[in-house]
Amino acid sequence: MPRVRLDVAYDGTDFSGWAVQPARRTVAGELLAALGRLFGDVPFGMVVAGRTDAGVHATGQVCHVDLPASWSDVQSTLLRRLAGVLPGDVRVHAATEVPDSFDARFSATFRRYHYRVTDAVHGAEPLRRHDTLAWPRPLDPALLNAAAAGLLGEHDFAAFCRRKEHATTVRAINRLEWGRDLDGVLFATVQADAFCQAMVRSLVGAMLHVGDGRRPAEWPASLLRLTARSSEVTVAPAHGLTLVAVGYPSASEFAARADATRRLRTLTT
């Protein structure tokens, strides 16, 4: 069965996240249903780069799926066919055959998210209300970036994660910065090799409390000494978050990268 990489975008507003769930509408559920209509009732083995939570959006999500050999007959028309059977809040931008060594999750070298928040007194613009958080206090970008600076690098982010049994909370953030766009909306760019559950939204929630002056700039970084989730950290709402990019190495490195990712990480000293 040929392995095909799908580049996917979706508006997460009406989804209960990515993963298939009984009696709930999910992104994977819609994609698998659409593929079933095109290729028949076969096991597709879909794997995603990152399982986004309910309400989180994506413009650069990646998954892989093992399709029947008949894929070659519809390869040139697959995007159009998918557009005809998928709902309007999910789009597949590209479908590319990849080696069997490609794993959308484990071969990835980074995930990049944007978080949008406005501190305008009138709140979020109506056309952006589903992807922009309205914050009730003025925010200082300098304070936000000061808080962000202390979180860069490899750390144990247990204070900002929902811990899973036998899973590590050690992650390496290589980009974390805030800016304002031309409309005055603040946006955070957060990039790491991987994230644990609720980590990005927890980081954003902590930094927002610095940005509005309620916490000192050093506070988010001070939580890195904790070995369990901090009750002081507020998780920012899901709708401000969008997965915008997933990075991969060259094809010759897919397998090696997947093997390295599967190893349980601990902090280096």
C-alpha atoms as a PDB file:
ATOM      1  CA  MET A   1       0.000   0.000   0.000  1.00  0.00           C
ATOM      2  CA  PRO A   2       1.596   3.320  -1.047  1.00  0.00           C
ATOM      3  CA  ARG A   3       2.272   5.754   1.799  1.00  0.00           C
ATOM      4  CA  VAL A   4       0.890   9.223   1.115  1.00  0.00           C
ATOM      5  CA  ARG A   5       1.586  12.440   3.012  1.00  0.00           C
ATOM      6  CA  LEU A   6      -1.423  14.732   3.368  1.00  0.00           C
ATOM      7  CA  ASP A   7      -1.001  18.426   4.173  1.00  0.00           C
ATOM      8  CA  VAL A   8      -4.164  19.478   5.965  1.00  0.00           C
ATOM      9  CA  ALA A   9      -5.839  22.688   7.158  1.00  0.00           C
ATOM     10  CA  TYR A  10      -8.918  23.000   9.313  1.00  0.00           C
ATOM     11  CA  ASP A  11     -11.032  25.349  11.385  1.00  0.00           C
ATOM     12  CA  GLY A  12     -11.153  23.579  14.733  1.00  0.00           C
ATOM     13  CA  THR A  13     -14.197  25.457  16.057  1.00  0.00           C
ATOM     14  CA  ASP A  14     -16.719  22.663  15.566  1.00  0.00           C
ATOM     15  CA  PHE A  15     -14.376  19.703  16.086  1.00  0.00           C
ATOM     16  CA  SER A  16     -13.693  17.676  19.225  1.00  0.00           C
ATOM     17  CA  GLY A  17     -10.014  17.676  18.321  1.00  0.00           C
ATOM     18  CA  TRP A  18      -8.082  15.561  15.817  1.00  0.00           C
ATOM     19  CA  ALA A  19      -8.383  11.951  17.002  1.00  0.00           C
ATOM     20  CA  VAL A  20     -11.368   9.766  16.161  1.00  0.00           C
ATOM     21  CA  GLN A  21     -13.853   9.584  19.052  1.00  0.00           C
ATOM     22  CA  PRO A  22     -17.154   7.705  19.246  1.00  0.00           C
ATOM     23  CA  ALA A  23     -20.180   9.914  18.555  1.00  0.00           C
ATOM     24  CA  ARG A  24     -18.015  13.032  18.221  1.00  0.00           C
ATOM     25  CA  ARG A  25     -17.043  15.048  15.168  1.00  0.00           C
ATOM     26  CA  THR A  26     -13.262  15.061  14.708  1.00  0.00           C
ATOM     27  CA  VAL A  27     -10.834  16.027  11.962  1.00  0.00           C
ATOM     28  CA  ALA A  28      -9.460  12.503  11.547  1.00  0.00           C
ATOM     29  CA  GLY A  29     -12.996  11.165  11.484  1.00  0.00           C
ATOM     30  CA  GLU A  30     -13.945  13.432   8.588  1.00  0.00           C
ATOM     31  CA  LEU A  31     -10.756  12.627   6.665  1.00  0.00           C
ATOM     32  CA  LEU A  32     -11.147   8.878   7.097  1.00  0.00           C
ATOM     33  CA  ALA A  33     -14.800   9.056   6.055  1.00  0.00           C
ATOM     34  CA  ALA A  34     -13.828  10.999   2.916  1.00  0.00           C
ATOM     35  CA  LEU A  35     -11.063   8.529   2.036  1.00  0.00           C
ATOM     36  CA  GLY A  36     -13.487   5.667   2.612  1.00  0.00           C
ATOM     37  CA  ARG A  37     -15.866   7.152   0.068  1.00  0.00           C
ATOM     38  CA  LEU A  38     -13.080   7.379  -2.491  1.00  0.00           C
ATOM     39  CA  PHE A  39     -11.192   4.124  -1.863  1.00  0.00           C
ATOM     40  CA  GLY A  40     -13.659   1.829  -0.136  1.00  0.00           C
ATOM     41  CA  ASP A  41     -13.763   0.323   3.323  1.00  0.00           C
ATOM     42  CA  VAL A  42     -10.080  -0.499   3.913  1.00  0.00           C
ATOM     43  CA  PRO A  43      -7.802   0.142   6.920  1.00  0.00           C
ATOM     44  CA  PHE A  44      -5.874   3.334   6.210  1.00  0.00           C
ATOM     45  CA  GLY A  45      -3.482   3.495   9.161  1.00  0.00           C
ATOM     46  CA  MET A  46      -3.579   7.287   9.529  1.00  0.00           C
ATOM     47  CA  VAL A  47      -0.813   8.892  11.626  1.00  0.00           C
ATOM     48  CA  VAL A  48      -0.695  12.618  12.412  1.00  0.00           C
ATOM     49  CA  ALA A  49       2.177  14.952  13.268  1.00  0.00           C
ATOM     50  CA  GLY A  50       0.351  16.353  16.301  1.00  0.00           C
ATOM     51  CA  ARG A  51      -3.058  15.631  17.786  1.00  0.00           C
ATOM     52  CA  THR A  52      -4.609  19.048  18.277  1.00  0.00           C
ATOM     53  CA  ASP A  53      -7.160  19.569  21.036  1.00  0.00           C
ATOM     54  CA  ALA A  54     -10.791  20.532  20.602  1.00  0.00           C
ATOM     55  CA  GLY A  55     -11.073  24.035  19.169  1.00  0.00           C
ATOM     56  CA  VAL A  56      -7.451  24.285  17.956  1.00  0.00           C
ATOM     57  CA  HIS A  57      -6.953  25.149  14.289  1.00  0.00           C
ATOM     58  CA  ALA A  58      -4.339  24.197  11.694  1.00  0.00           C
ATOM     59  CA  THR A  59      -3.005  25.622   8.463  1.00  0.00           C
ATOM     60  CA  GLY A  60       0.015  23.300   8.321  1.00  0.00           C
ATOM     61  CA  GLN A  61      -0.988  19.948   9.820  1.00  0.00           C
ATOM     62  CA  VAL A  62       0.602  16.808   8.326  1.00  0.00           C
ATOM     63  CA  CYS A  63      -0.537  13.205   8.424  1.00  0.00           C
ATOM     64  CA  HIS A  64       0.316  10.065   6.506  1.00  0.00           C
ATOM     65  CA  VAL A  65      -1.970   7.327   5.329  1.00  0.00           C
ATOM     66  CA  ASP A  66      -1.375   4.011   3.583  1.00  0.00           C
ATOM     67  CA  LEU A  67      -3.698   3.952   0.575  1.00  0.00           C
ATOM     68  CA  PRO A  68      -4.698   1.118  -1.767  1.00  0.00           C
ATOM     69  CA  ALA A  69      -2.706   0.660  -4.963  1.00  0.00           C
ATOM     70  CA  SER A  70      -5.554   2.374  -6.833  1.00  0.00           C
ATOM     71  CA  TRP A  71      -4.112   5.637  -5.424  1.00  0.00           C
ATOM     72  CA  SER A  72      -2.026   5.930  -8.597  1.00  0.00           C
ATOM     73  CA  ASP A  73      -5.198   6.060 -10.700  1.00  0.00           C
ATOM     74  CA  VAL A  74      -6.561   9.108  -8.867  1.00  0.00           C
ATOM     75  CA  GLN A  75      -3.343  10.814  -7.791  1.00  0.00           C
ATOM     76  CA  SER A  76      -3.735  13.745 -10.165  1.00  0.00           C
ATOM     77  CA  THR A  77      -7.365  14.370  -9.157  1.00  0.00           C
ATOM     78  CA  LEU A  78      -7.318  13.419  -5.476  1.00  0.00           C
ATOM     79  CA  LEU A  79      -7.328  16.980  -4.107  1.00  0.00           C
ATOM     80  CA  ARG A  80     -10.346  17.892  -6.206  1.00  0.00           C
ATOM     81  CA  ARG A  81     -12.123  14.669  -5.228  1.00  0.00           C
ATOM     82  CA  LEU A  82     -11.432  15.266  -1.537  1.00  0.00           C
ATOM     83  CA  ALA A  83     -12.679  18.847  -1.814  1.00  0.00           C
ATOM     84  CA  GLY A  84     -15.939  17.445  -3.152  1.00  0.00           C
ATOM     85  CA  VAL A  85     -16.571  15.104  -0.215  1.00  0.00           C
ATOM     86  CA  LEU A  86     -14.972  16.907   2.745  1.00  0.00           C
ATOM     87  CA  PRO A  87     -16.897  19.491   4.793  1.00  0.00           C
ATOM     88  CA  GLY A  88     -15.927  23.114   4.317  1.00  0.00           C
ATOM     89  CA  ASP A  89     -13.947  23.367   7.553  1.00  0.00           C
ATOM     90  CA  VAL A  90     -11.345  20.777   6.415  1.00  0.00           C
ATOM     91  CA  ARG A  91      -9.117  21.060   3.341  1.00  0.00           C
ATOM     92  CA  VAL A  92      -6.287  18.899   2.018  1.00  0.00           C
ATOM     93  CA  HIS A  93      -3.720  21.137   0.340  1.00  0.00           C
ATOM     94  CA  ALA A  94      -1.326  18.477  -0.928  1.00  0.00           C
ATOM     95  CA  ALA A  95      -1.106  14.693  -1.294  1.00  0.00           C
ATOM     96  CA  THR A  96       2.392  13.358  -1.938  1.00  0.00           C
ATOM     97  CA  GLU A  97       3.650   9.776  -2.126  1.00  0.00           C
ATOM     98  CA  VAL A  98       6.503   9.265   0.367  1.00  0.00           C
ATOM     99  CA  PRO A  99       8.811   6.367   1.322  1.00  0.00           C
ATOM    100  CA  ASP A 100       7.574   3.808   3.846  1.00  0.00           C
ATOM    101  CA  SER A 101      10.204   5.200   6.243  1.00  0.00           C
ATOM    102  CA  PHE A 102       8.251   8.472   6.510  1.00  0.00           C
ATOM    103  CA  ASP A 103       6.296   8.810   9.739  1.00  0.00           C
ATOM    104  CA  ALA A 104       4.267  12.003  10.089  1.00  0.00           C
ATOM    105  CA  ARG A 105       4.702  11.956  13.864  1.00  0.00           C
ATOM    106  CA  PHE A 106       8.116  10.511  14.579  1.00  0.00           C
ATOM    107  CA  SER A 107      10.010  11.804  11.519  1.00  0.00           C
ATOM    108  CA  ALA A 108       9.124  15.429  12.322  1.00  0.00           C
ATOM    109  CA  THR A 109      11.927  17.761  13.375  1.00  0.00           C
ATOM    110  CA  PHE A 110       9.736  20.617  14.621  1.00  0.00           C
ATOM    111  CA  ARG A 111       6.182  21.844  15.115  1.00  0.00           C
ATOM    112  CA  ARG A 112       5.383  25.546  14.915  1.00  0.00           C
ATOM    113  CA  TYR A 113       2.299  27.203  16.390  1.00  0.00           C
ATOM    114  CA  HIS A 114       0.896  30.714  16.360  1.00  0.00           C
ATOM    115  CA  TYR A 115      -1.312  32.086  19.099  1.00  0.00           C
ATOM    116  CA  ARG A 116      -3.361  35.217  18.336  1.00  0.00           C
ATOM    117  CA  VAL A 117      -4.636  37.558  21.049  1.00  0.00           C
ATOM    118  CA  THR A 118      -6.032  41.072  20.943  1.00  0.00           C
ATOM    119  CA  ASP A 119      -6.037  43.566  23.783  1.00  0.00           C
ATOM    120  CA  ALA A 120      -8.265  46.012  21.892  1.00  0.00           C
ATOM    121  CA  VAL A 121     -10.977  47.422  24.136  1.00  0.00           C
ATOM    122  CA  HIS A 122     -13.668  46.358  21.648  1.00  0.00           C
ATOM    123  CA  GLY A 123     -12.423  42.757  21.585  1.00  0.00           C
ATOM    124  CA  ALA A 124     -11.733  40.516  18.602  1.00  0.00           C
ATOM    125  CA  GLU A 125     -12.904  41.504  15.142  1.00  0.00           C
ATOM    126  CA  PRO A 126     -16.047  39.559  14.177  1.00  0.00           C
ATOM    127  CA  LEU A 127     -14.397  37.770  11.233  1.00  0.00           C
ATOM    128  CA  ARG A 128     -11.477  36.648  13.423  1.00  0.00           C
ATOM    129  CA  ARG A 129     -13.362  35.789  16.607  1.00  0.00           C
ATOM    130  CA  HIS A 130     -12.831  32.058  16.068  1.00  0.00           C
ATOM    131  CA  ASP A 131      -9.009  32.284  15.947  1.00  0.00           C
ATOM    132  CA  THR A 132      -8.227  35.292  18.151  1.00  0.00           C
ATOM    133  CA  LEU A 133      -8.469  35.517  21.936  1.00  0.00           C
ATOM    134  CA  ALA A 134      -9.838  38.775  23.361  1.00  0.00           C
ATOM    135  CA  TRP A 135      -7.788  39.741  26.438  1.00  0.00           C
ATOM    136  CA  PRO A 136      -9.451  42.173  28.867  1.00  0.00           C
ATOM    137  CA  ARG A 137      -6.253  44.012  29.915  1.00  0.00           C
ATOM    138  CA  PRO A 138      -3.589  45.930  27.955  1.00  0.00           C
ATOM    139  CA  LEU A 139      -0.588  43.761  27.054  1.00  0.00           C
ATOM    140  CA  ASP A 140       3.025  44.896  26.804  1.00  0.00           C
ATOM    141  CA  PRO A 141       4.983  43.060  24.064  1.00  0.00           C
ATOM    142  CA  ALA A 142       8.281  43.824  25.819  1.00  0.00           C
ATOM    143  CA  LEU A 143       7.080  42.048  28.963  1.00  0.00           C
ATOM    144  CA  LEU A 144       5.750  39.131  26.922  1.00  0.00           C
ATOM    145  CA  ASN A 145       9.103  38.720  25.196  1.00  0.00           C
ATOM    146  CA  ALA A 146      10.970  39.008  28.493  1.00  0.00           C
ATOM    147  CA  ALA A 147       8.894  36.126  29.843  1.00  0.00           C
ATOM    148  CA  ALA A 148       9.428  34.151  26.641  1.00  0.00           C
ATOM    149  CA  ALA A 149      13.211  34.482  26.803  1.00  0.00           C
ATOM    150  CA  GLY A 150      13.405  32.482  30.030  1.00  0.00           C
ATOM    151  CA  LEU A 151      11.541  29.545  28.471  1.00  0.00           C
ATOM    152  CA  LEU A 152      13.813  29.012  25.464  1.00  0.00           C
ATOM    153  CA  GLY A 153      15.989  25.922  25.314  1.00  0.00           C
ATOM    154  CA  GLU A 154      15.679  22.370  26.592  1.00  0.00           C
ATOM    155  CA  HIS A 155      13.879  22.027  29.920  1.00  0.00           C
ATOM    156  CA  ASP A 156      11.510  19.800  31.802  1.00  0.00           C
ATOM    157  CA  PHE A 157       8.175  21.532  31.143  1.00  0.00           C
ATOM    158  CA  ALA A 158       6.243  19.413  33.670  1.00  0.00           C
ATOM    159  CA  ALA A 159       4.685  22.556  35.172  1.00  0.00           C
ATOM    160  CA  PHE A 160       3.079  23.343  31.808  1.00  0.00           C
ATOM    161  CA  CYS A 161       2.016  19.843  30.694  1.00  0.00           C
ATOM    162  CA  ARG A 162      -0.729  17.352  31.322  1.00  0.00           C
ATOM    163  CA  ARG A 163       1.430  14.419  32.272  1.00  0.00           C
ATOM    164  CA  LYS A 164       0.897  11.033  30.649  1.00  0.00           C
ATOM    165  CA  GLU A 165       2.131   7.826  32.228  1.00  0.00           C
ATOM    166  CA  HIS A 166       5.565   6.720  30.940  1.00  0.00           C
ATOM    167  CA  ALA A 167       5.893   9.899  28.842  1.00  0.00           C
ATOM    168  CA  THR A 168       8.587  12.543  29.208  1.00  0.00           C
ATOM    169  CA  THR A 169       7.879  16.242  29.661  1.00  0.00           C
ATOM    170  CA  VAL A 170      11.378  17.275  28.539  1.00  0.00           C
ATOM    171  CA  ARG A 171      11.156  19.444  25.420  1.00  0.00           C
ATOM    172  CA  ALA A 172      13.425  21.835  23.516  1.00  0.00           C
ATOM    173  CA  ILE A 173      11.886  25.178  22.505  1.00  0.00           C
ATOM    174  CA  ASN A 174      14.004  26.841  19.820  1.00  0.00           C
ATOM    175  CA  ARG A 175      11.700  29.741  19.008  1.00  0.00           C
ATOM    176  CA  LEU A 176       9.393  31.696  21.278  1.00  0.00           C
ATOM    177  CA  GLU A 177       8.592  35.325  20.519  1.00  0.00           C
ATOM    178  CA  TRP A 178       5.778  37.853  20.437  1.00  0.00           C
ATOM    179  CA  GLY A 179       4.921  40.579  17.953  1.00  0.00           C
ATOM    180  CA  ARG A 180       2.034  42.731  16.750  1.00  0.00           C
ATOM    181  CA  ASP A 181       0.632  42.565  13.239  1.00  0.00           C
ATOM    182  CA  LEU A 182      -0.494  45.591  11.246  1.00  0.00           C
ATOM    183  CA  ASP A 183      -3.970  45.364  12.801  1.00  0.00           C
ATOM    184  CA  GLY A 184      -2.520  45.558  16.308  1.00  0.00           C
ATOM    185  CA  VAL A 185      -3.192  41.895  17.120  1.00  0.00           C
ATOM    186  CA  LEU A 186      -0.505  40.224  19.228  1.00  0.00           C
ATOM    187  CA  PHE A 187       0.738  36.839  18.108  1.00  0.00           C
ATOM    188  CA  ALA A 188       3.103  34.365  19.704  1.00  0.00           C
ATOM    189  CA  THR A 189       5.275  32.083  17.577  1.00  0.00           C
ATOM    190  CA  VAL A 190       6.188  28.901  19.432  1.00  0.00           C
ATOM    191  CA  GLN A 191       8.415  26.249  17.871  1.00  0.00           C
ATOM    192  CA  ALA A 192       9.878  23.075  19.353  1.00  0.00           C
ATOM    193  CA  ASP A 193      10.806  19.586  18.283  1.00  0.00           C
ATOM    194  CA  ALA A 194       7.623  18.405  19.990  1.00  0.00           C
ATOM    195  CA  PHE A 195       5.077  19.487  22.589  1.00  0.00           C
ATOM    196  CA  CYS A 196       3.254  17.647  25.337  1.00  0.00           C
ATOM    197  CA  GLN A 197      -0.489  18.008  25.850  1.00  0.00           C
ATOM    198  CA  ALA A 198      -1.679  21.558  26.638  1.00  0.00           C
ATOM    199  CA  MET A 199       1.923  22.813  26.739  1.00  0.00           C
ATOM    200  CA  VAL A 200       1.631  25.668  24.216  1.00  0.00           C
ATOM    201  CA  ARG A 201      -1.608  26.985  25.690  1.00  0.00           C
ATOM    202  CA  SER A 202      -0.156  26.763  29.213  1.00  0.00           C
ATOM    203  CA  LEU A 203       2.950  28.676  28.182  1.00  0.00           C
ATOM    204  CA  VAL A 204       0.798  31.336  26.540  1.00  0.00           C
ATOM    205  CA  GLY A 205      -1.447  31.551  29.605  1.00  0.00           C
ATOM    206  CA  ALA A 206       1.543  32.123  31.867  1.00  0.00           C
ATOM    207  CA  MET A 207       3.089  34.739  29.576  1.00  0.00           C
ATOM    208  CA  LEU A 208      -0.172  36.663  29.272  1.00  0.00           C
ATOM    209  CA  HIS A 209      -0.197  37.161  33.022  1.00  0.00           C
ATOM    210  CA  VAL A 210       3.253  38.699  32.675  1.00  0.00           C
ATOM    211  CA  GLY A 211       2.231  40.796  29.695  1.00  0.00           C
ATOM    212  CA  ASP A 212      -0.616  42.463  31.582  1.00  0.00           C
ATOM    213  CA  GLY A 213       1.579  43.184  34.607  1.00  0.00           C
ATOM    214  CA  ARG A 214       0.149  40.705  37.110  1.00  0.00           C
ATOM    215  CA  ARG A 215       3.284  38.554  37.272  1.00  0.00           C
ATOM    216  CA  PRO A 216       7.003  39.375  37.025  1.00  0.00           C
ATOM    217  CA  ALA A 217       8.856  38.459  33.842  1.00  0.00           C
ATOM    218  CA  GLU A 218      10.865  35.778  35.670  1.00  0.00           C
ATOM    219  CA  TRP A 219       7.802  33.905  36.912  1.00  0.00           C
ATOM    220  CA  PRO A 220       7.162  31.481  33.993  1.00  0.00           C
ATOM    221  CA  ALA A 221      10.808  30.366  33.939  1.00  0.00           C
ATOM    222  CA  SER A 222      10.780  29.882  37.714  1.00  0.00           C
ATOM    223  CA  LEU A 223       8.165  27.157  37.270  1.00  0.00           C
ATOM    224  CA  LEU A 224      10.626  25.014  35.311  1.00  0.00           C
ATOM    225  CA  ARG A 225      12.047  23.734  38.594  1.00  0.00           C
ATOM    226  CA  LEU A 226       8.741  21.969  39.336  1.00  0.00           C
ATOM    227  CA  THR A 227       8.284  18.277  38.597  1.00  0.00           C
ATOM    228  CA  ALA A 228       4.487  18.335  38.317  1.00  0.00           C
ATOM    229  CA  ARG A 229       1.880  20.514  36.685  1.00  0.00           C
ATOM    230  CA  SER A 230       1.485  23.889  38.379  1.00  0.00           C
ATOM    231  CA  SER A 231      -1.980  24.849  39.580  1.00  0.00           C
ATOM    232  CA  GLU A 232      -0.975  28.503  39.175  1.00  0.00           C
ATOM    233  CA  VAL A 233      -0.786  28.239  35.386  1.00  0.00           C
ATOM    234  CA  THR A 234      -3.944  29.115  33.482  1.00  0.00           C
ATOM    235  CA  VAL A 235      -4.383  27.279  30.180  1.00  0.00           C
ATOM    236  CA  ALA A 236      -5.181  29.808  27.421  1.00  0.00           C
ATOM    237  CA  PRO A 237      -8.370  29.078  25.438  1.00  0.00           C
ATOM    238  CA  ALA A 238      -8.004  26.717  22.499  1.00  0.00           C
ATOM    239  CA  HIS A 239      -9.433  28.936  19.772  1.00  0.00           C
ATOM    240  CA  GLY A 240      -6.436  31.322  19.673  1.00  0.00           C
ATOM    241  CA  LEU A 241      -4.048  28.514  18.732  1.00  0.00           C
ATOM    242  CA  THR A 242      -3.139  27.388  15.211  1.00  0.00           C
ATOM    243  CA  LEU A 243      -0.624  24.750  14.085  1.00  0.00           C
ATOM    244  CA  VAL A 244       1.090  26.479  11.160  1.00  0.00           C
ATOM    245  CA  ALA A 245       4.013  24.228  10.172  1.00  0.00           C
ATOM    246  CA  VAL A 246       5.657  20.844  10.699  1.00  0.00           C
ATOM    247  CA  GLY A 247       9.249  20.324   9.591  1.00  0.00           C
ATOM    248  CA  TYR A 248      10.906  17.167   8.267  1.00  0.00           C
ATOM    249  CA  PRO A 249      14.440  16.157   7.286  1.00  0.00           C
ATOM    250  CA  SER A 250      15.440  14.881   3.846  1.00  0.00           C
ATOM    251  CA  ALA A 251      13.940  11.563   2.776  1.00  0.00           C
ATOM    252  CA  SER A 252      17.173   9.700   3.497  1.00  0.00           C
ATOM    253  CA  GLU A 253      16.909  10.718   7.163  1.00  0.00           C
ATOM    254  CA  PHE A 254      13.247   9.810   7.817  1.00  0.00           C
ATOM    255  CA  ALA A 255      13.966   6.485   9.520  1.00  0.00           C
ATOM    256  CA  ALA A 256      16.908   7.737  11.610  1.00  0.00           C
ATOM    257  CA  ARG A 257      14.885  10.712  12.813  1.00  0.00           C
ATOM    258  CA  ALA A 258      11.965   8.453  13.751  1.00  0.00           C
ATOM    259  CA  ASP A 259      14.263   6.156  15.733  1.00  0.00           C
ATOM    260  CA  ALA A 260      15.789   9.100  17.604  1.00  0.00           C
ATOM    261  CA  THR A 261      12.372  10.564  18.417  1.00  0.00           C
ATOM    262  CA  ARG A 262      11.105   7.287  19.876  1.00  0.00           C
ATOM    263  CA  ARG A 263      13.883   7.206  22.465  1.00  0.00           C
ATOM    264  CA  LEU A 264      12.762   8.436  25.891  1.00  0.00           C
ATOM    265  CA  ARG A 265      14.368  11.827  26.435  1.00  0.00           C
ATOM    266  CA  THR A 266      15.928  13.011  29.664  1.00  0.00           C
ATOM    267  CA  LEU A 267      17.598  16.308  30.479  1.00  0.00           C
ATOM    268  CA  THR A 268      21.296  16.498  29.637  1.00  0.00           C
ATOM    269  CA  THR A 269      23.532  17.834  32.406  1.00  0.00           C
END
